[in-house]
Amino acid sequence: LIGGWGGISQTQLRKIMAFSSIGHLGWIIIVLKFDPQLSLFNFILYLIMTSAMFLSLINISATKILDISISWSKTPALTTTIMLILLSLAGLPPLTGFAPKLLIVTELVKQNATLLASSIMLISMLALFFYLRLAYIVTMTLPPNTPNSLLTWRTPHPTHLPTAIINVMALILLPLTPTLLLL
């Protein structure tokens, strides 16, 4: 609740990600009593997604929402992956962040904690709001002074290999979730 409520009015990306961490920590702590392995799995997936987000933000030198709103004209591919990672952090179904939330809610229902499962799903709507707001700003808004140039890529340095690897991991781990749970 604190993570979702605090992140709504923020404009600095580090603060938004800090409140996101508080919210995800709540999910981890809630399931820790019932299934410690699931909480570890949730932590590892969150660590991968957050690392991908921070590496991407470092790569485009973004510290505020305004910085990511103008990133589309500089690095469209990286901006697209930022949008997908944001939606994954929100826990939307076709992406990696959906798996731990679904597994946690399923475990809570198995443990007859349906009221707790319902309340954390409702509270997570606060975080969903600021993730969707960021995804909208990243992809749907363009600054009024976007240069009309034939050059698509105008970034001073290309995407680093660690950023590319962690972004791919953050986006494709959902199909691998059943395999990872068996290990």
C-alpha atoms as a PDB file:
ATOM      1  CA  LEU A   1       0.000   0.000   0.000  1.00  0.00           C
ATOM      2  CA  ILE A   2       2.843   2.392   0.858  1.00  0.00           C
ATOM      3  CA  GLY A   3       4.723   1.535  -2.342  1.00  0.00           C
ATOM      4  CA  GLY A   4       1.703   2.049  -4.574  1.00  0.00           C
ATOM      5  CA  TRP A   5       0.457   5.182  -2.877  1.00  0.00           C
ATOM      6  CA  GLY A   6       3.891   6.806  -2.722  1.00  0.00           C
ATOM      7  CA  GLY A   7       4.775   6.162  -6.346  1.00  0.00           C
ATOM      8  CA  ILE A   8       1.711   7.822  -7.845  1.00  0.00           C
ATOM      9  CA  SER A   9       2.814  11.449  -7.544  1.00  0.00           C
ATOM     10  CA  GLN A  10       6.514  10.993  -8.261  1.00  0.00           C
ATOM     11  CA  THR A  11       8.296  12.466 -11.278  1.00  0.00           C
ATOM     12  CA  GLN A  12      11.800  11.146 -10.603  1.00  0.00           C
ATOM     13  CA  LEU A  13      12.341   7.656 -11.921  1.00  0.00           C
ATOM     14  CA  ARG A  14      14.568   6.516  -9.045  1.00  0.00           C
ATOM     15  CA  LYS A  15      11.848   7.371  -6.542  1.00  0.00           C
ATOM     16  CA  ILE A  16       9.246   5.594  -8.640  1.00  0.00           C
ATOM     17  CA  MET A  17      11.433   2.502  -8.761  1.00  0.00           C
ATOM     18  CA  ALA A  18      12.053   2.764  -4.994  1.00  0.00           C
ATOM     19  CA  PHE A  19       8.322   2.779  -4.294  1.00  0.00           C
ATOM     20  CA  SER A  20       7.978  -0.081  -6.765  1.00  0.00           C
ATOM     21  CA  SER A  21      10.522  -2.028  -4.718  1.00  0.00           C
ATOM     22  CA  ILE A  22       8.509  -1.380  -1.561  1.00  0.00           C
ATOM     23  CA  GLY A  23       5.393  -2.714  -3.270  1.00  0.00           C
ATOM     24  CA  HIS A  24       7.123  -5.817  -4.574  1.00  0.00           C
ATOM     25  CA  LEU A  25       8.695  -6.417  -1.169  1.00  0.00           C
ATOM     26  CA  GLY A  26       5.160  -6.564   0.217  1.00  0.00           C
ATOM     27  CA  TRP A  27       4.305  -9.373  -2.212  1.00  0.00           C
ATOM     28  CA  ILE A  28       7.464 -11.241  -1.201  1.00  0.00           C
ATOM     29  CA  ILE A  29       6.840 -10.874   2.547  1.00  0.00           C
ATOM     30  CA  ILE A  30       3.193 -11.925   2.290  1.00  0.00           C
ATOM     31  CA  VAL A  31       4.040 -15.257   0.666  1.00  0.00           C
ATOM     32  CA  LEU A  32       7.223 -15.864   2.697  1.00  0.00           C
ATOM     33  CA  LYS A  33       5.342 -17.637   5.510  1.00  0.00           C
ATOM     34  CA  PHE A  34       3.445 -19.959   3.176  1.00  0.00           C
ATOM     35  CA  ASP A  35       6.085 -20.786   0.543  1.00  0.00           C
ATOM     36  CA  PRO A  36       9.680 -19.533   0.985  1.00  0.00           C
ATOM     37  CA  GLN A  37      10.726 -20.928  -2.405  1.00  0.00           C
ATOM     38  CA  LEU A  38       8.026 -18.899  -4.119  1.00  0.00           C
ATOM     39  CA  SER A  39       9.183 -15.761  -2.352  1.00  0.00           C
ATOM     40  CA  LEU A  40      12.752 -16.439  -3.522  1.00  0.00           C
ATOM     41  CA  PHE A  41      11.486 -17.021  -7.071  1.00  0.00           C
ATOM     42  CA  ASN A  42       9.574 -13.733  -6.908  1.00  0.00           C
ATOM     43  CA  PHE A  43      12.667 -11.939  -5.620  1.00  0.00           C
ATOM     44  CA  ILE A  44      14.883 -13.307  -8.403  1.00  0.00           C
ATOM     45  CA  LEU A  45      12.418 -12.347 -11.127  1.00  0.00           C
ATOM     46  CA  TYR A  46      11.980  -8.894  -9.613  1.00  0.00           C
ATOM     47  CA  LEU A  47      15.752  -8.482  -9.405  1.00  0.00           C
ATOM     48  CA  ILE A  48      16.106  -9.340 -13.108  1.00  0.00           C
ATOM     49  CA  MET A  49      13.301  -6.980 -14.163  1.00  0.00           C
ATOM     50  CA  THR A  50      14.551  -4.117 -11.986  1.00  0.00           C
ATOM     51  CA  SER A  51      18.123  -4.576 -13.196  1.00  0.00           C
ATOM     52  CA  ALA A  52      16.893  -4.454 -16.774  1.00  0.00           C
ATOM     53  CA  MET A  53      14.942  -1.294 -16.029  1.00  0.00           C
ATOM     54  CA  PHE A  54      17.848   0.479 -14.331  1.00  0.00           C
ATOM     55  CA  LEU A  55      20.358  -0.535 -17.023  1.00  0.00           C
ATOM     56  CA  SER A  56      17.978   0.751 -19.687  1.00  0.00           C
ATOM     57  CA  LEU A  57      17.445   4.036 -17.848  1.00  0.00           C
ATOM     58  CA  ILE A  58      21.197   4.449 -17.416  1.00  0.00           C
ATOM     59  CA  ASN A  59      21.705   3.744 -21.108  1.00  0.00           C
ATOM     60  CA  ILE A  60      19.341   6.539 -22.158  1.00  0.00           C
ATOM     61  CA  SER A  61      20.486   8.826 -19.290  1.00  0.00           C
ATOM     62  CA  ALA A  62      16.980   9.219 -17.916  1.00  0.00           C
ATOM     63  CA  THR A  63      16.376  10.477 -14.396  1.00  0.00           C
ATOM     64  CA  LYS A  64      12.943  12.076 -14.704  1.00  0.00           C
ATOM     65  CA  ILE A  65       9.732  11.298 -16.524  1.00  0.00           C
ATOM     66  CA  LEU A  66      10.504  14.096 -18.970  1.00  0.00           C
ATOM     67  CA  ASP A  67      13.716  12.323 -19.979  1.00  0.00           C
ATOM     68  CA  ILE A  68      11.950   9.120 -20.954  1.00  0.00           C
ATOM     69  CA  SER A  69       9.236  11.023 -22.797  1.00  0.00           C
ATOM     70  CA  ILE A  70      11.832  12.216 -25.325  1.00  0.00           C
ATOM     71  CA  SER A  71      13.707   8.910 -25.573  1.00  0.00           C
ATOM     72  CA  TRP A  72      11.588   7.498 -28.402  1.00  0.00           C
ATOM     73  CA  SER A  73      13.242   9.638 -31.071  1.00  0.00           C
ATOM     74  CA  LYS A  74      16.712   8.653 -29.802  1.00  0.00           C
ATOM     75  CA  THR A  75      16.397   4.902 -29.169  1.00  0.00           C
ATOM     76  CA  PRO A  76      13.090   3.426 -30.298  1.00  0.00           C
ATOM     77  CA  ALA A  77      14.043  -0.219 -29.694  1.00  0.00           C
ATOM     78  CA  LEU A  78      15.295   0.421 -26.162  1.00  0.00           C
ATOM     79  CA  THR A  79      12.266   2.576 -25.443  1.00  0.00           C
ATOM     80  CA  THR A  80      10.020  -0.276 -26.545  1.00  0.00           C
ATOM     81  CA  THR A  81      11.758  -2.673 -24.187  1.00  0.00           C
ATOM     82  CA  ILE A  82      11.455  -0.106 -21.384  1.00  0.00           C
ATOM     83  CA  MET A  83       7.711  -0.008 -21.991  1.00  0.00           C
ATOM     84  CA  LEU A  84       7.496  -3.810 -21.932  1.00  0.00           C
ATOM     85  CA  ILE A  85       9.563  -4.027 -18.742  1.00  0.00           C
ATOM     86  CA  LEU A  86       7.291  -1.440 -17.102  1.00  0.00           C
ATOM     87  CA  LEU A  87       4.241  -3.475 -18.052  1.00  0.00           C
ATOM     88  CA  SER A  88       5.988  -6.602 -16.783  1.00  0.00           C
ATOM     89  CA  LEU A  89       6.733  -4.908 -13.456  1.00  0.00           C
ATOM     90  CA  ALA A  90       3.039  -4.051 -13.296  1.00  0.00           C
ATOM     91  CA  GLY A  91       2.281  -7.773 -13.579  1.00  0.00           C
ATOM     92  CA  LEU A  92       0.224  -7.751 -16.757  1.00  0.00           C
ATOM     93  CA  PRO A  93      -0.563 -11.238 -18.100  1.00  0.00           C
ATOM     94  CA  PRO A  94       1.546 -11.881 -21.174  1.00  0.00           C
ATOM     95  CA  LEU A  95       4.755 -10.722 -19.505  1.00  0.00           C
ATOM     96  CA  THR A  96       7.241 -12.111 -16.952  1.00  0.00           C
ATOM     97  CA  GLY A  97       5.963 -10.131 -13.941  1.00  0.00           C
ATOM     98  CA  PHE A  98       2.588 -11.860 -14.160  1.00  0.00           C
ATOM     99  CA  ALA A  99       3.935 -15.292 -13.155  1.00  0.00           C
ATOM    100  CA  PRO A 100       4.991 -14.511  -9.576  1.00  0.00           C
ATOM    101  CA  LYS A 101       1.817 -12.559  -8.829  1.00  0.00           C
ATOM    102  CA  LEU A 102      -0.350 -15.367 -10.177  1.00  0.00           C
ATOM    103  CA  LEU A 103       1.594 -17.972  -8.217  1.00  0.00           C
ATOM    104  CA  ILE A 104       1.397 -15.902  -5.016  1.00  0.00           C
ATOM    105  CA  VAL A 105      -2.347 -15.379  -5.353  1.00  0.00           C
ATOM    106  CA  THR A 106      -2.816 -19.084  -6.090  1.00  0.00           C
ATOM    107  CA  GLU A 107      -0.790 -20.027  -3.019  1.00  0.00           C
ATOM    108  CA  LEU A 108      -2.773 -17.643  -0.824  1.00  0.00           C
ATOM    109  CA  VAL A 109      -6.036 -19.120  -2.081  1.00  0.00           C
ATOM    110  CA  LYS A 110      -4.707 -22.639  -1.373  1.00  0.00           C
ATOM    111  CA  GLN A 111      -3.910 -21.536   2.185  1.00  0.00           C
ATOM    112  CA  ASN A 112      -7.469 -20.176   2.636  1.00  0.00           C
ATOM    113  CA  ALA A 113      -6.252 -16.568   2.697  1.00  0.00           C
ATOM    114  CA  THR A 114      -8.656 -15.416   0.014  1.00  0.00           C
ATOM    115  CA  LEU A 115      -9.320 -12.071   1.696  1.00  0.00           C
ATOM    116  CA  LEU A 116      -5.579 -11.365   1.805  1.00  0.00           C
ATOM    117  CA  ALA A 117      -5.205 -12.375  -1.856  1.00  0.00           C
ATOM    118  CA  SER A 118      -8.079 -10.095  -2.839  1.00  0.00           C
ATOM    119  CA  SER A 119      -6.729  -7.170  -0.855  1.00  0.00           C
ATOM    120  CA  ILE A 120      -3.202  -7.344  -2.296  1.00  0.00           C
ATOM    121  CA  MET A 121      -4.627  -7.572  -5.806  1.00  0.00           C
ATOM    122  CA  LEU A 122      -6.738  -4.472  -5.179  1.00  0.00           C
ATOM    123  CA  ILE A 123      -3.835  -2.606  -3.582  1.00  0.00           C
ATOM    124  CA  SER A 124      -1.602  -3.483  -6.537  1.00  0.00           C
ATOM    125  CA  MET A 125      -3.909  -1.385  -8.715  1.00  0.00           C
ATOM    126  CA  LEU A 126      -2.148   1.688  -7.286  1.00  0.00           C
ATOM    127  CA  ALA A 127       1.184   0.480  -8.654  1.00  0.00           C
ATOM    128  CA  LEU A 128      -0.494  -0.518 -11.908  1.00  0.00           C
ATOM    129  CA  PHE A 129      -1.596   3.084 -12.296  1.00  0.00           C
ATOM    130  CA  PHE A 130       1.894   4.569 -12.157  1.00  0.00           C
ATOM    131  CA  TYR A 131       3.353   1.806 -14.337  1.00  0.00           C
ATOM    132  CA  LEU A 132       0.694   2.432 -16.974  1.00  0.00           C
ATOM    133  CA  ARG A 133       1.297   6.165 -16.681  1.00  0.00           C
ATOM    134  CA  LEU A 134       5.008   5.651 -17.312  1.00  0.00           C
ATOM    135  CA  ALA A 135       4.356   3.252 -20.209  1.00  0.00           C
ATOM    136  CA  TYR A 136       1.983   5.808 -21.732  1.00  0.00           C
ATOM    137  CA  ILE A 137       4.509   8.618 -21.355  1.00  0.00           C
ATOM    138  CA  VAL A 138       7.299   6.484 -22.824  1.00  0.00           C
ATOM    139  CA  THR A 139       5.433   5.385 -25.936  1.00  0.00           C
ATOM    140  CA  MET A 140       2.446   7.602 -26.601  1.00  0.00           C
ATOM    141  CA  THR A 141       3.763  11.097 -26.012  1.00  0.00           C
ATOM    142  CA  LEU A 142       6.228  12.838 -28.243  1.00  0.00           C
ATOM    143  CA  PRO A 143       7.782  16.187 -27.459  1.00  0.00           C
ATOM    144  CA  PRO A 144       6.693  19.026 -29.721  1.00  0.00           C
ATOM    145  CA  ASN A 145      10.236  19.605 -30.940  1.00  0.00           C
ATOM    146  CA  THR A 146      11.047  16.117 -32.197  1.00  0.00           C
ATOM    147  CA  PRO A 147      13.521  16.533 -35.050  1.00  0.00           C
ATOM    148  CA  ASN A 148      12.363  15.341 -38.436  1.00  0.00           C
ATOM    149  CA  SER A 149      15.428  13.437 -39.503  1.00  0.00           C
ATOM    150  CA  LEU A 150      16.046  10.357 -41.546  1.00  0.00           C
ATOM    151  CA  LEU A 151      18.416   9.080 -38.863  1.00  0.00           C
ATOM    152  CA  THR A 152      16.479   6.788 -36.574  1.00  0.00           C
ATOM    153  CA  TRP A 153      19.274   6.171 -34.092  1.00  0.00           C
ATOM    154  CA  ARG A 154      20.808   9.272 -32.589  1.00  0.00           C
ATOM    155  CA  THR A 155      22.129   7.892 -29.345  1.00  0.00           C
ATOM    156  CA  PRO A 156      25.718   8.809 -28.483  1.00  0.00           C
ATOM    157  CA  HIS A 157      26.567   5.212 -27.623  1.00  0.00           C
ATOM    158  CA  PRO A 158      24.985   1.904 -28.667  1.00  0.00           C
ATOM    159  CA  THR A 159      23.143  -0.358 -26.275  1.00  0.00           C
ATOM    160  CA  HIS A 160      25.589  -2.269 -24.134  1.00  0.00           C
ATOM    161  CA  LEU A 161      25.637  -6.049 -24.215  1.00  0.00           C
ATOM    162  CA  PRO A 162      24.693  -6.475 -20.515  1.00  0.00           C
ATOM    163  CA  THR A 163      21.677  -4.213 -21.049  1.00  0.00           C
ATOM    164  CA  ALA A 164      20.574  -6.248 -24.052  1.00  0.00           C
ATOM    165  CA  ILE A 165      21.015  -9.572 -22.244  1.00  0.00           C
ATOM    166  CA  ILE A 166      19.161  -8.532 -19.096  1.00  0.00           C
ATOM    167  CA  ASN A 167      16.350  -6.981 -21.164  1.00  0.00           C
ATOM    168  CA  VAL A 168      15.883 -10.228 -23.084  1.00  0.00           C
ATOM    169  CA  MET A 169      15.897 -12.180 -19.814  1.00  0.00           C
ATOM    170  CA  ALA A 170      13.342  -9.829 -18.282  1.00  0.00           C
ATOM    171  CA  LEU A 171      11.011 -10.227 -21.233  1.00  0.00           C
ATOM    172  CA  ILE A 172      11.172 -13.964 -22.008  1.00  0.00           C
ATOM    173  CA  LEU A 173      11.183 -15.583 -18.577  1.00  0.00           C
ATOM    174  CA  LEU A 174       7.405 -16.100 -18.462  1.00  0.00           C
ATOM    175  CA  PRO A 175       7.443 -19.083 -20.859  1.00  0.00           C
ATOM    176  CA  LEU A 176      10.338 -20.522 -18.875  1.00  0.00           C
ATOM    177  CA  THR A 177       8.584 -20.220 -15.498  1.00  0.00           C
ATOM    178  CA  PRO A 178       7.366 -23.853 -15.253  1.00  0.00           C
ATOM    179  CA  THR A 179      10.883 -25.082 -16.027  1.00  0.00           C
ATOM    180  CA  LEU A 180      12.433 -22.728 -13.481  1.00  0.00           C
ATOM    181  CA  LEU A 181      10.003 -23.860 -10.797  1.00  0.00           C
ATOM    182  CA  LEU A 182      11.009 -27.485 -11.316  1.00  0.00           C
ATOM    183  CA  LEU A 183      14.702 -26.712 -10.742  1.00  0.00           C
END
